[in-house]
Amino acid sequence: MSTPASLSKPALSAVTRLDALAGTHAEWGPWLSVVREVTAELSDTVWDAHPPHTVAHTGPSPQLAAAVLQPDGPSVKRLLDRLRAVARAQNLVGLAGPASLAPVTSVEEALEVFLAAVNDDDAALDRQAARVGATPEGWRALTQLLPMPYLHACARRWTAGPHTTWSQGFCPVCGAWPAFAEMRGIERARHLRCGRCGAGWRMPVLACTYCGTTDHDALGALVVDDKTARWSVDVCHVCSGYLKSFTTLQPTPSNEILVTDLASVEFDLVALERGFLRPHTHAVALSASLAAAADPEPPPAPKRWWS
């Protein structure tokens, strides 16, 4: 397996790495053009101006579970319009729908899309896809990008404030499963990184991210070849889950996590070919809202996706 160009140049900016990736994989170009549109927003502090109202949790729940989100509506609308415009320009009508059908997005509609994407509300997303003329799968792929700048702002807020030690496999901010693990520094401490909000948290080396097993006989790693020795794939024979992992001295910048995940897709293929899986849904349904809610219900327990 050859080393992707964007993996070998970690010092480059996220947008530059995306452009390099598009040059290496021309067939990905249309989709990467859409991703490029949101990547430039991930570090923009304009999204930090409207923090969420969070609630106290009694168990291991992510920060945004049952939270009241306050994104800036016009900013959400502008981003959604741009994502759809770029997708249409790339002839990805399945993602955005044709311009002739529901061409104008109101702030209220954009916020509905935002909330459905945050909450992983497939029923709401499917209704929206039908309204705009997109395919359900394409619309979900497009709209998963929409809340990312706001979620990155939430993760920055979580990182800057006091928080308890987190030992779960899913993200302490948004409840998503990690995109990959980093084995950092001389001591090779294992840190999981969220591809949705950019958060990072420490996790024991000998523990499955998904089912939590610590049975070393059930845990293993796939090392692909010598050219990519800093990368491997952690696998679990209990739940058949896998997670990409690589060694690094410094943490990946938050706005580059999505790019690094895309650039390392060859390792996903290696795992899939061997029968290992990565969850397609988030670990926790956030049940977040956009309006003040009195006495919010406690967040649901994490999903056991492997059962």
C-alpha atoms as a PDB file:
ATOM      1  CA  MET A   1       0.000   0.000   0.000  1.00  0.00           C
ATOM      2  CA  SER A   2       1.371   3.415  -0.930  1.00  0.00           C
ATOM      3  CA  THR A   3       1.317   6.251   1.570  1.00  0.00           C
ATOM      4  CA  PRO A   4      -1.270   8.949   0.637  1.00  0.00           C
ATOM      5  CA  ALA A   5       0.376  12.295  -0.026  1.00  0.00           C
ATOM      6  CA  SER A   6      -1.775  14.107   2.521  1.00  0.00           C
ATOM      7  CA  LEU A   7      -0.735  11.653   5.254  1.00  0.00           C
ATOM      8  CA  SER A   8       2.942  12.351   4.718  1.00  0.00           C
ATOM      9  CA  LYS A   9       2.643  16.140   5.073  1.00  0.00           C
ATOM     10  CA  PRO A  10       1.057  16.797   8.486  1.00  0.00           C
ATOM     11  CA  ALA A  11       2.353  20.396   8.633  1.00  0.00           C
ATOM     12  CA  LEU A  12       0.110  21.514   5.783  1.00  0.00           C
ATOM     13  CA  SER A  13      -3.170  23.265   6.500  1.00  0.00           C
ATOM     14  CA  ALA A  14      -6.410  21.291   6.442  1.00  0.00           C
ATOM     15  CA  VAL A  15      -7.601  22.947   3.214  1.00  0.00           C
ATOM     16  CA  THR A  16      -4.240  22.401   1.502  1.00  0.00           C
ATOM     17  CA  ARG A  17      -4.268  18.762   2.563  1.00  0.00           C
ATOM     18  CA  LEU A  18      -7.770  18.386   1.110  1.00  0.00           C
ATOM     19  CA  ASP A  19      -6.585  19.817  -2.184  1.00  0.00           C
ATOM     20  CA  ALA A  20      -3.640  17.390  -2.173  1.00  0.00           C
ATOM     21  CA  LEU A  21      -6.010  14.525  -1.449  1.00  0.00           C
ATOM     22  CA  ALA A  22      -8.223  15.556  -4.368  1.00  0.00           C
ATOM     23  CA  GLY A  23      -5.140  15.530  -6.593  1.00  0.00           C
ATOM     24  CA  THR A  24      -4.291  11.993  -5.468  1.00  0.00           C
ATOM     25  CA  HIS A  25      -7.867  10.693  -5.734  1.00  0.00           C
ATOM     26  CA  ALA A  26      -9.515  12.561  -8.598  1.00  0.00           C
ATOM     27  CA  GLU A  27     -12.680  10.479  -8.224  1.00  0.00           C
ATOM     28  CA  TRP A  28     -13.173  11.987  -4.752  1.00  0.00           C
ATOM     29  CA  GLY A  29     -12.914  15.541  -6.084  1.00  0.00           C
ATOM     30  CA  PRO A  30     -16.627  16.441  -6.100  1.00  0.00           C
ATOM     31  CA  TRP A  31     -17.206  15.288  -2.512  1.00  0.00           C
ATOM     32  CA  LEU A  32     -13.970  16.845  -1.269  1.00  0.00           C
ATOM     33  CA  SER A  33     -15.092  20.176  -2.744  1.00  0.00           C
ATOM     34  CA  VAL A  34     -18.114  20.027  -0.429  1.00  0.00           C
ATOM     35  CA  VAL A  35     -15.979  19.020   2.562  1.00  0.00           C
ATOM     36  CA  ARG A  36     -13.580  21.872   1.768  1.00  0.00           C
ATOM     37  CA  GLU A  37     -16.431  24.337   2.245  1.00  0.00           C
ATOM     38  CA  VAL A  38     -16.968  23.334   5.869  1.00  0.00           C
ATOM     39  CA  THR A  39     -13.302  22.714   6.719  1.00  0.00           C
ATOM     40  CA  ALA A  40     -12.524  26.417   6.465  1.00  0.00           C
ATOM     41  CA  GLU A  41     -15.245  27.100   9.081  1.00  0.00           C
ATOM     42  CA  LEU A  42     -14.055  24.715  11.783  1.00  0.00           C
ATOM     43  CA  SER A  43     -11.604  27.124  13.408  1.00  0.00           C
ATOM     44  CA  ASP A  44     -13.742  30.245  12.966  1.00  0.00           C
ATOM     45  CA  THR A  45     -14.453  31.648  16.434  1.00  0.00           C
ATOM     46  CA  VAL A  46     -17.654  33.302  15.212  1.00  0.00           C
ATOM     47  CA  TRP A  47     -19.320  30.011  16.156  1.00  0.00           C
ATOM     48  CA  ASP A  48     -18.118  30.410  19.766  1.00  0.00           C
ATOM     49  CA  ALA A  49     -20.421  33.390  20.345  1.00  0.00           C
ATOM     50  CA  HIS A  50     -23.520  31.302  21.045  1.00  0.00           C
ATOM     51  CA  PRO A  51     -22.641  28.538  23.553  1.00  0.00           C
ATOM     52  CA  PRO A  52     -25.205  25.874  24.468  1.00  0.00           C
ATOM     53  CA  HIS A  53     -27.091  25.602  27.739  1.00  0.00           C
ATOM     54  CA  THR A  54     -26.108  22.225  29.174  1.00  0.00           C
ATOM     55  CA  VAL A  55     -27.760  20.188  31.913  1.00  0.00           C
ATOM     56  CA  ALA A  56     -26.298  18.158  34.760  1.00  0.00           C
ATOM     57  CA  HIS A  57     -25.938  14.440  34.122  1.00  0.00           C
ATOM     58  CA  THR A  58     -25.859  11.671  36.699  1.00  0.00           C
ATOM     59  CA  GLY A  59     -24.177   9.087  34.473  1.00  0.00           C
ATOM     60  CA  PRO A  60     -21.574   8.980  31.711  1.00  0.00           C
ATOM     61  CA  SER A  61     -23.363  11.244  29.236  1.00  0.00           C
ATOM     62  CA  PRO A  62     -21.779  13.618  26.719  1.00  0.00           C
ATOM     63  CA  GLN A  63     -21.889  17.333  27.436  1.00  0.00           C
ATOM     64  CA  LEU A  64     -24.470  18.056  24.738  1.00  0.00           C
ATOM     65  CA  ALA A  65     -26.958  15.362  25.783  1.00  0.00           C
ATOM     66  CA  ALA A  66     -30.314  17.102  26.374  1.00  0.00           C
ATOM     67  CA  ALA A  67     -28.591  20.472  25.850  1.00  0.00           C
ATOM     68  CA  VAL A  68     -30.268  23.580  24.476  1.00  0.00           C
ATOM     69  CA  LEU A  69     -28.266  24.670  21.454  1.00  0.00           C
ATOM     70  CA  GLN A  70     -28.063  28.285  20.333  1.00  0.00           C
ATOM     71  CA  PRO A  71     -26.413  28.444  16.913  1.00  0.00           C
ATOM     72  CA  ASP A  72     -26.631  31.673  14.958  1.00  0.00           C
ATOM     73  CA  GLY A  73     -29.494  31.026  12.527  1.00  0.00           C
ATOM     74  CA  PRO A  74     -28.266  33.203   9.635  1.00  0.00           C
ATOM     75  CA  SER A  75     -24.803  31.620   9.863  1.00  0.00           C
ATOM     76  CA  VAL A  76     -26.337  28.141   9.735  1.00  0.00           C
ATOM     77  CA  LYS A  77     -28.444  29.140   6.722  1.00  0.00           C
ATOM     78  CA  ARG A  78     -25.463  30.603   4.882  1.00  0.00           C
ATOM     79  CA  LEU A  79     -23.412  27.477   5.434  1.00  0.00           C
ATOM     80  CA  LEU A  80     -26.225  25.162   4.320  1.00  0.00           C
ATOM     81  CA  ASP A  81     -26.792  27.259   1.198  1.00  0.00           C
ATOM     82  CA  ARG A  82     -23.081  27.120   0.384  1.00  0.00           C
ATOM     83  CA  LEU A  83     -22.870  23.368   0.913  1.00  0.00           C
ATOM     84  CA  ARG A  84     -25.838  22.798  -1.379  1.00  0.00           C
ATOM     85  CA  ALA A  85     -24.518  25.223  -4.003  1.00  0.00           C
ATOM     86  CA  VAL A  86     -21.107  23.522  -4.117  1.00  0.00           C
ATOM     87  CA  ALA A  87     -22.718  20.081  -4.277  1.00  0.00           C
ATOM     88  CA  ARG A  88     -24.900  21.161  -7.209  1.00  0.00           C
ATOM     89  CA  ALA A  89     -21.911  22.740  -8.954  1.00  0.00           C
ATOM     90  CA  GLN A  90     -20.185  19.352  -8.661  1.00  0.00           C
ATOM     91  CA  ASN A  91     -23.296  17.662 -10.077  1.00  0.00           C
ATOM     92  CA  LEU A  92     -24.001  15.954  -6.750  1.00  0.00           C
ATOM     93  CA  VAL A  93     -27.744  16.399  -7.059  1.00  0.00           C
ATOM     94  CA  GLY A  94     -28.364  13.406  -4.828  1.00  0.00           C
ATOM     95  CA  LEU A  95     -26.777  15.341  -1.965  1.00  0.00           C
ATOM     96  CA  ALA A  96     -28.365  18.751  -2.481  1.00  0.00           C
ATOM     97  CA  GLY A  97     -31.413  18.225  -4.669  1.00  0.00           C
ATOM     98  CA  PRO A  98     -32.030  20.138  -7.903  1.00  0.00           C
ATOM     99  CA  ALA A  99     -32.019  23.926  -7.800  1.00  0.00           C
ATOM    100  CA  SER A 100     -35.535  23.971  -9.250  1.00  0.00           C
ATOM    101  CA  LEU A 101     -36.992  22.209  -6.207  1.00  0.00           C
ATOM    102  CA  ALA A 102     -37.116  24.152  -2.921  1.00  0.00           C
ATOM    103  CA  PRO A 103     -34.297  26.501  -4.024  1.00  0.00           C
ATOM    104  CA  VAL A 104     -34.678  28.917  -1.110  1.00  0.00           C
ATOM    105  CA  THR A 105     -33.802  27.888   2.431  1.00  0.00           C
ATOM    106  CA  SER A 106     -35.197  29.950   5.286  1.00  0.00           C
ATOM    107  CA  VAL A 107     -33.398  30.369   8.586  1.00  0.00           C
ATOM    108  CA  GLU A 108     -36.073  28.241  10.249  1.00  0.00           C
ATOM    109  CA  GLU A 109     -35.632  25.443   7.716  1.00  0.00           C
ATOM    110  CA  ALA A 110     -31.850  25.570   8.071  1.00  0.00           C
ATOM    111  CA  LEU A 111     -32.133  25.264  11.844  1.00  0.00           C
ATOM    112  CA  GLU A 112     -34.462  22.288  11.454  1.00  0.00           C
ATOM    113  CA  VAL A 113     -31.831  20.599   9.293  1.00  0.00           C
ATOM    114  CA  PHE A 114     -29.126  21.533  11.811  1.00  0.00           C
ATOM    115  CA  LEU A 115     -31.029  20.006  14.738  1.00  0.00           C
ATOM    116  CA  ALA A 116     -31.933  16.831  12.848  1.00  0.00           C
ATOM    117  CA  ALA A 117     -28.275  16.355  11.936  1.00  0.00           C
ATOM    118  CA  VAL A 118     -27.096  16.961  15.519  1.00  0.00           C
ATOM    119  CA  ASN A 119     -29.630  14.493  16.895  1.00  0.00           C
ATOM    120  CA  ASP A 120     -29.104  11.860  14.185  1.00  0.00           C
ATOM    121  CA  ASP A 121     -32.854  12.088  13.497  1.00  0.00           C
ATOM    122  CA  ASP A 122     -33.134   9.913  10.396  1.00  0.00           C
ATOM    123  CA  ALA A 123     -36.917  10.352  10.094  1.00  0.00           C
ATOM    124  CA  ALA A 124     -36.624  14.154  10.014  1.00  0.00           C
ATOM    125  CA  LEU A 125     -33.671  14.021   7.622  1.00  0.00           C
ATOM    126  CA  ASP A 126     -35.587  11.716   5.272  1.00  0.00           C
ATOM    127  CA  ARG A 127     -38.546  14.120   5.205  1.00  0.00           C
ATOM    128  CA  GLN A 128     -36.201  16.999   4.413  1.00  0.00           C
ATOM    129  CA  ALA A 129     -34.511  14.990   1.669  1.00  0.00           C
ATOM    130  CA  ALA A 130     -37.870  14.363   0.026  1.00  0.00           C
ATOM    131  CA  ARG A 131     -38.731  18.066   0.222  1.00  0.00           C
ATOM    132  CA  VAL A 132     -35.530  19.210  -1.489  1.00  0.00           C
ATOM    133  CA  GLY A 133     -35.350  16.309  -3.957  1.00  0.00           C
ATOM    134  CA  ALA A 134     -32.174  14.725  -2.556  1.00  0.00           C
ATOM    135  CA  THR A 135     -31.651  11.039  -1.852  1.00  0.00           C
ATOM    136  CA  PRO A 136     -31.857  10.052   1.831  1.00  0.00           C
ATOM    137  CA  GLU A 137     -28.261   8.797   1.828  1.00  0.00           C
ATOM    138  CA  GLY A 138     -26.963  11.845  -0.011  1.00  0.00           C
ATOM    139  CA  TRP A 139     -28.807  14.308   2.214  1.00  0.00           C
ATOM    140  CA  ARG A 140     -27.450  12.647   5.364  1.00  0.00           C
ATOM    141  CA  ALA A 141     -23.918  12.837   3.978  1.00  0.00           C
ATOM    142  CA  LEU A 142     -24.318  16.544   3.229  1.00  0.00           C
ATOM    143  CA  THR A 143     -26.097  17.535   6.438  1.00  0.00           C
ATOM    144  CA  GLN A 144     -23.639  15.752   8.734  1.00  0.00           C
ATOM    145  CA  LEU A 145     -21.240  18.564   7.805  1.00  0.00           C
ATOM    146  CA  LEU A 146     -23.633  21.398   8.723  1.00  0.00           C
ATOM    147  CA  PRO A 147     -23.353  21.344  12.567  1.00  0.00           C
ATOM    148  CA  MET A 148     -19.626  20.639  12.657  1.00  0.00           C
ATOM    149  CA  PRO A 149     -18.422  24.270  13.096  1.00  0.00           C
ATOM    150  CA  TYR A 150     -20.812  24.766  16.019  1.00  0.00           C
ATOM    151  CA  LEU A 151     -19.846  21.423  17.546  1.00  0.00           C
ATOM    152  CA  HIS A 152     -16.165  22.334  17.237  1.00  0.00           C
ATOM    153  CA  ALA A 153     -16.941  25.531  19.146  1.00  0.00           C
ATOM    154  CA  CYS A 154     -18.633  23.437  21.851  1.00  0.00           C
ATOM    155  CA  ALA A 155     -15.550  21.201  22.050  1.00  0.00           C
ATOM    156  CA  ARG A 156     -13.280  24.231  22.416  1.00  0.00           C
ATOM    157  CA  ARG A 157     -15.453  25.406  25.285  1.00  0.00           C
ATOM    158  CA  TRP A 158     -15.339  21.962  26.927  1.00  0.00           C
ATOM    159  CA  THR A 159     -11.554  21.763  26.562  1.00  0.00           C
ATOM    160  CA  ALA A 160     -11.059  25.212  28.110  1.00  0.00           C
ATOM    161  CA  GLY A 161     -13.300  24.571  31.123  1.00  0.00           C
ATOM    162  CA  PRO A 162     -13.116  22.175  34.064  1.00  0.00           C
ATOM    163  CA  HIS A 163     -14.385  18.672  33.372  1.00  0.00           C
ATOM    164  CA  THR A 164     -14.183  15.281  34.982  1.00  0.00           C
ATOM    165  CA  THR A 165     -12.038  12.449  33.701  1.00  0.00           C
ATOM    166  CA  TRP A 166     -13.722  10.680  30.806  1.00  0.00           C
ATOM    167  CA  SER A 167     -13.221   6.942  30.318  1.00  0.00           C
ATOM    168  CA  GLN A 168     -15.904   6.077  27.759  1.00  0.00           C
ATOM    169  CA  GLY A 169     -15.269   5.082  24.160  1.00  0.00           C
ATOM    170  CA  PHE A 170     -17.621   7.722  22.774  1.00  0.00           C
ATOM    171  CA  CYS A 171     -17.010  11.458  22.612  1.00  0.00           C
ATOM    172  CA  PRO A 172     -17.508  13.386  25.879  1.00  0.00           C
ATOM    173  CA  VAL A 173     -18.874  16.387  23.970  1.00  0.00           C
ATOM    174  CA  CYS A 174     -21.141  15.153  21.158  1.00  0.00           C
ATOM    175  CA  GLY A 175     -21.531  11.410  21.764  1.00  0.00           C
ATOM    176  CA  ALA A 176     -19.987  10.292  18.457  1.00  0.00           C
ATOM    177  CA  TRP A 177     -17.607   7.374  18.127  1.00  0.00           C
ATOM    178  CA  PRO A 178     -13.985   8.403  17.466  1.00  0.00           C
ATOM    179  CA  ALA A 179     -12.528   8.751  13.987  1.00  0.00           C
ATOM    180  CA  PHE A 180      -9.165   7.355  15.064  1.00  0.00           C
ATOM    181  CA  ALA A 181      -6.786   6.949  17.999  1.00  0.00           C
ATOM    182  CA  GLU A 182      -3.469   8.711  18.519  1.00  0.00           C
ATOM    183  CA  MET A 183      -0.598   7.008  20.328  1.00  0.00           C
ATOM    184  CA  ARG A 184       1.143  10.121  21.614  1.00  0.00           C
ATOM    185  CA  GLY A 185       4.615  10.896  22.817  1.00  0.00           C
ATOM    186  CA  ILE A 186       7.371   8.701  24.144  1.00  0.00           C
ATOM    187  CA  GLU A 187       4.987   6.973  26.559  1.00  0.00           C
ATOM    188  CA  ARG A 188       2.547   6.204  23.683  1.00  0.00           C
ATOM    189  CA  ALA A 189      -0.527   7.299  25.625  1.00  0.00           C
ATOM    190  CA  ARG A 190      -3.701   6.501  23.711  1.00  0.00           C
ATOM    191  CA  HIS A 191      -5.979   9.438  22.890  1.00  0.00           C
ATOM    192  CA  LEU A 192      -9.224   9.076  20.928  1.00  0.00           C
ATOM    193  CA  ARG A 193     -10.223  11.865  18.529  1.00  0.00           C
ATOM    194  CA  CYS A 194     -13.754  12.775  17.495  1.00  0.00           C
ATOM    195  CA  GLY A 195     -14.243  13.454  13.800  1.00  0.00           C
ATOM    196  CA  ARG A 196     -17.497  15.291  14.458  1.00  0.00           C
ATOM    197  CA  CYS A 197     -16.502  17.968  16.989  1.00  0.00           C
ATOM    198  CA  GLY A 198     -12.708  17.628  17.202  1.00  0.00           C
ATOM    199  CA  ALA A 199     -12.594  16.697  20.897  1.00  0.00           C
ATOM    200  CA  GLY A 200      -9.914  14.389  22.259  1.00  0.00           C
ATOM    201  CA  TRP A 201      -9.834  12.182  25.350  1.00  0.00           C
ATOM    202  CA  ARG A 202      -7.622   9.533  26.859  1.00  0.00           C
ATOM    203  CA  MET A 203      -8.472   5.832  26.689  1.00  0.00           C
ATOM    204  CA  PRO A 204      -6.613   2.782  28.020  1.00  0.00           C
ATOM    205  CA  VAL A 205      -4.537   0.998  25.408  1.00  0.00           C
ATOM    206  CA  LEU A 206      -5.954  -2.432  26.200  1.00  0.00           C
ATOM    207  CA  ALA A 207      -9.668  -1.636  25.982  1.00  0.00           C
ATOM    208  CA  CYS A 208     -12.117  -1.871  23.092  1.00  0.00           C
ATOM    209  CA  THR A 209     -13.536   1.523  22.231  1.00  0.00           C
ATOM    210  CA  TYR A 210     -16.976   0.081  21.524  1.00  0.00           C
ATOM    211  CA  CYS A 211     -17.757  -2.839  23.843  1.00  0.00           C
ATOM    212  CA  GLY A 212     -15.196  -2.006  26.535  1.00  0.00           C
ATOM    213  CA  THR A 213     -13.638  -5.464  26.768  1.00  0.00           C
ATOM    214  CA  THR A 214     -10.158  -5.561  28.299  1.00  0.00           C
ATOM    215  CA  ASP A 215      -9.492  -9.207  27.423  1.00  0.00           C
ATOM    216  CA  HIS A 216      -6.128  -8.997  25.691  1.00  0.00           C
ATOM    217  CA  ASP A 217      -6.818 -12.288  23.891  1.00  0.00           C
ATOM    218  CA  ALA A 218      -9.814 -10.652  22.188  1.00  0.00           C
ATOM    219  CA  LEU A 219      -7.935  -7.505  21.137  1.00  0.00           C
ATOM    220  CA  GLY A 220      -5.536  -7.240  18.243  1.00  0.00           C
ATOM    221  CA  ALA A 221      -4.081  -4.975  15.573  1.00  0.00           C
ATOM    222  CA  LEU A 222      -3.717  -5.104  11.812  1.00  0.00           C
ATOM    223  CA  VAL A 223      -0.400  -3.685  10.594  1.00  0.00           C
ATOM    224  CA  VAL A 224      -0.731  -3.043   6.896  1.00  0.00           C
ATOM    225  CA  ASP A 225       2.887  -2.789   5.674  1.00  0.00           C
ATOM    226  CA  ASP A 226       6.255  -1.258   6.487  1.00  0.00           C
ATOM    227  CA  LYS A 227       5.626   1.911   4.448  1.00  0.00           C
ATOM    228  CA  THR A 228       2.839   2.947   6.784  1.00  0.00           C
ATOM    229  CA  ALA A 229       4.283   1.541  10.009  1.00  0.00           C
ATOM    230  CA  ARG A 230       3.059   4.492  12.082  1.00  0.00           C
ATOM    231  CA  TRP A 231      -0.501   3.426  11.227  1.00  0.00           C
ATOM    232  CA  SER A 232      -2.315   0.301  12.356  1.00  0.00           C
ATOM    233  CA  VAL A 233      -5.898  -0.822  12.879  1.00  0.00           C
ATOM    234  CA  ASP A 234      -7.048  -1.848  16.370  1.00  0.00           C
ATOM    235  CA  VAL A 235      -9.597  -4.664  16.220  1.00  0.00           C
ATOM    236  CA  CYS A 236     -11.857  -6.434  18.702  1.00  0.00           C
ATOM    237  CA  HIS A 237     -12.940 -10.043  18.264  1.00  0.00           C
ATOM    238  CA  VAL A 238     -15.817  -9.641  20.743  1.00  0.00           C
ATOM    239  CA  CYS A 239     -17.845  -6.979  18.874  1.00  0.00           C
ATOM    240  CA  SER A 240     -15.956  -7.078  15.532  1.00  0.00           C
ATOM    241  CA  GLY A 241     -15.247  -3.363  15.817  1.00  0.00           C
ATOM    242  CA  TYR A 242     -12.158  -1.591  14.531  1.00  0.00           C
ATOM    243  CA  LEU A 243     -10.459   1.759  15.014  1.00  0.00           C
ATOM    244  CA  LYS A 244      -7.585   3.261  13.049  1.00  0.00           C
ATOM    245  CA  SER A 245      -4.581   4.226  15.153  1.00  0.00           C
ATOM    246  CA  PHE A 246      -1.299   6.008  14.522  1.00  0.00           C
ATOM    247  CA  THR A 247       1.725   7.233  16.440  1.00  0.00           C
ATOM    248  CA  THR A 248       2.399  10.953  16.758  1.00  0.00           C
ATOM    249  CA  LEU A 249       4.294  13.344  18.991  1.00  0.00           C
ATOM    250  CA  GLN A 250       1.627  16.046  18.932  1.00  0.00           C
ATOM    251  CA  PRO A 251      -2.171  15.893  18.761  1.00  0.00           C
ATOM    252  CA  THR A 252      -3.771  16.394  15.365  1.00  0.00           C
ATOM    253  CA  PRO A 253      -5.222  19.920  15.091  1.00  0.00           C
ATOM    254  CA  SER A 254      -8.992  19.730  15.503  1.00  0.00           C
ATOM    255  CA  ASN A 255      -9.709  21.165  12.075  1.00  0.00           C
ATOM    256  CA  GLU A 256      -7.557  18.452  10.453  1.00  0.00           C
ATOM    257  CA  ILE A 257      -9.214  15.410  12.021  1.00  0.00           C
ATOM    258  CA  LEU A 258     -11.783  15.077   9.229  1.00  0.00           C
ATOM    259  CA  VAL A 259      -9.047  15.358   6.590  1.00  0.00           C
ATOM    260  CA  THR A 260      -6.850  12.771   8.335  1.00  0.00           C
ATOM    261  CA  ASP A 261      -9.805  10.404   8.582  1.00  0.00           C
ATOM    262  CA  LEU A 262     -10.509  10.749   4.851  1.00  0.00           C
ATOM    263  CA  ALA A 263      -6.835  10.455   3.914  1.00  0.00           C
ATOM    264  CA  SER A 264      -6.535   7.165   5.789  1.00  0.00           C
ATOM    265  CA  VAL A 265      -9.552   5.493   4.181  1.00  0.00           C
ATOM    266  CA  GLU A 266      -7.305   2.718   2.836  1.00  0.00           C
ATOM    267  CA  PHE A 267      -7.023   1.414   6.385  1.00  0.00           C
ATOM    268  CA  ASP A 268     -10.817   1.343   6.676  1.00  0.00           C
ATOM    269  CA  LEU A 269     -10.880  -0.831   3.571  1.00  0.00           C
ATOM    270  CA  VAL A 270      -8.319  -3.206   5.053  1.00  0.00           C
ATOM    271  CA  ALA A 271     -10.467  -3.640   8.169  1.00  0.00           C
ATOM    272  CA  LEU A 272     -13.696  -4.072   6.214  1.00  0.00           C
ATOM    273  CA  GLU A 273     -12.112  -6.697   3.970  1.00  0.00           C
ATOM    274  CA  ARG A 274     -11.315  -8.683   7.114  1.00  0.00           C
ATOM    275  CA  GLY A 275     -14.855  -8.464   8.470  1.00  0.00           C
ATOM    276  CA  PHE A 276     -14.411  -5.704  11.046  1.00  0.00           C
ATOM    277  CA  LEU A 277     -16.893  -2.843  11.305  1.00  0.00           C
ATOM    278  CA  ARG A 278     -17.088   0.793  12.348  1.00  0.00           C
ATOM    279  CA  PRO A 279     -20.479   1.985  13.693  1.00  0.00           C
ATOM    280  CA  HIS A 280     -22.596   4.007  11.268  1.00  0.00           C
ATOM    281  CA  THR A 281     -24.554   5.760  14.024  1.00  0.00           C
ATOM    282  CA  HIS A 282     -23.419   7.811  16.985  1.00  0.00           C
ATOM    283  CA  ALA A 283     -23.121   6.125  20.352  1.00  0.00           C
ATOM    284  CA  VAL A 284     -25.604   8.443  22.094  1.00  0.00           C
ATOM    285  CA  ALA A 285     -28.767  10.102  20.797  1.00  0.00           C
ATOM    286  CA  LEU A 286     -28.274  13.623  22.111  1.00  0.00           C
ATOM    287  CA  SER A 287     -31.955  14.660  22.209  1.00  0.00           C
ATOM    288  CA  ALA A 288     -30.787  18.272  22.039  1.00  0.00           C
ATOM    289  CA  SER A 289     -33.176  21.131  21.332  1.00  0.00           C
ATOM    290  CA  LEU A 290     -33.142  24.674  19.989  1.00  0.00           C
ATOM    291  CA  ALA A 291     -35.592  26.154  22.479  1.00  0.00           C
ATOM    292  CA  ALA A 292     -35.651  26.478  26.258  1.00  0.00           C
ATOM    293  CA  ALA A 293     -36.810  23.250  27.820  1.00  0.00           C
ATOM    294  CA  ALA A 294     -37.950  22.843  31.395  1.00  0.00           C
ATOM    295  CA  ASP A 295     -37.020  19.668  33.216  1.00  0.00           C
ATOM    296  CA  PRO A 296     -35.390  17.903  30.259  1.00  0.00           C
ATOM    297  CA  GLU A 297     -35.539  14.127  30.314  1.00  0.00           C
ATOM    298  CA  PRO A 298     -32.287  12.318  31.120  1.00  0.00           C
ATOM    299  CA  PRO A 299     -30.318  11.258  28.035  1.00  0.00           C
ATOM    300  CA  PRO A 300     -30.736   7.672  26.836  1.00  0.00           C
ATOM    301  CA  ALA A 301     -28.108   5.023  27.501  1.00  0.00           C
ATOM    302  CA  PRO A 302     -25.417   4.444  24.842  1.00  0.00           C
ATOM    303  CA  LYS A 303     -26.430   2.130  22.013  1.00  0.00           C
ATOM    304  CA  ARG A 304     -24.952  -1.374  21.925  1.00  0.00           C
ATOM    305  CA  TRP A 305     -24.400  -1.381  18.175  1.00  0.00           C
ATOM    306  CA  TRP A 306     -22.702  -4.771  18.069  1.00  0.00           C
ATOM    307  CA  SER A 307     -25.568  -6.756  19.598  1.00  0.00           C
END
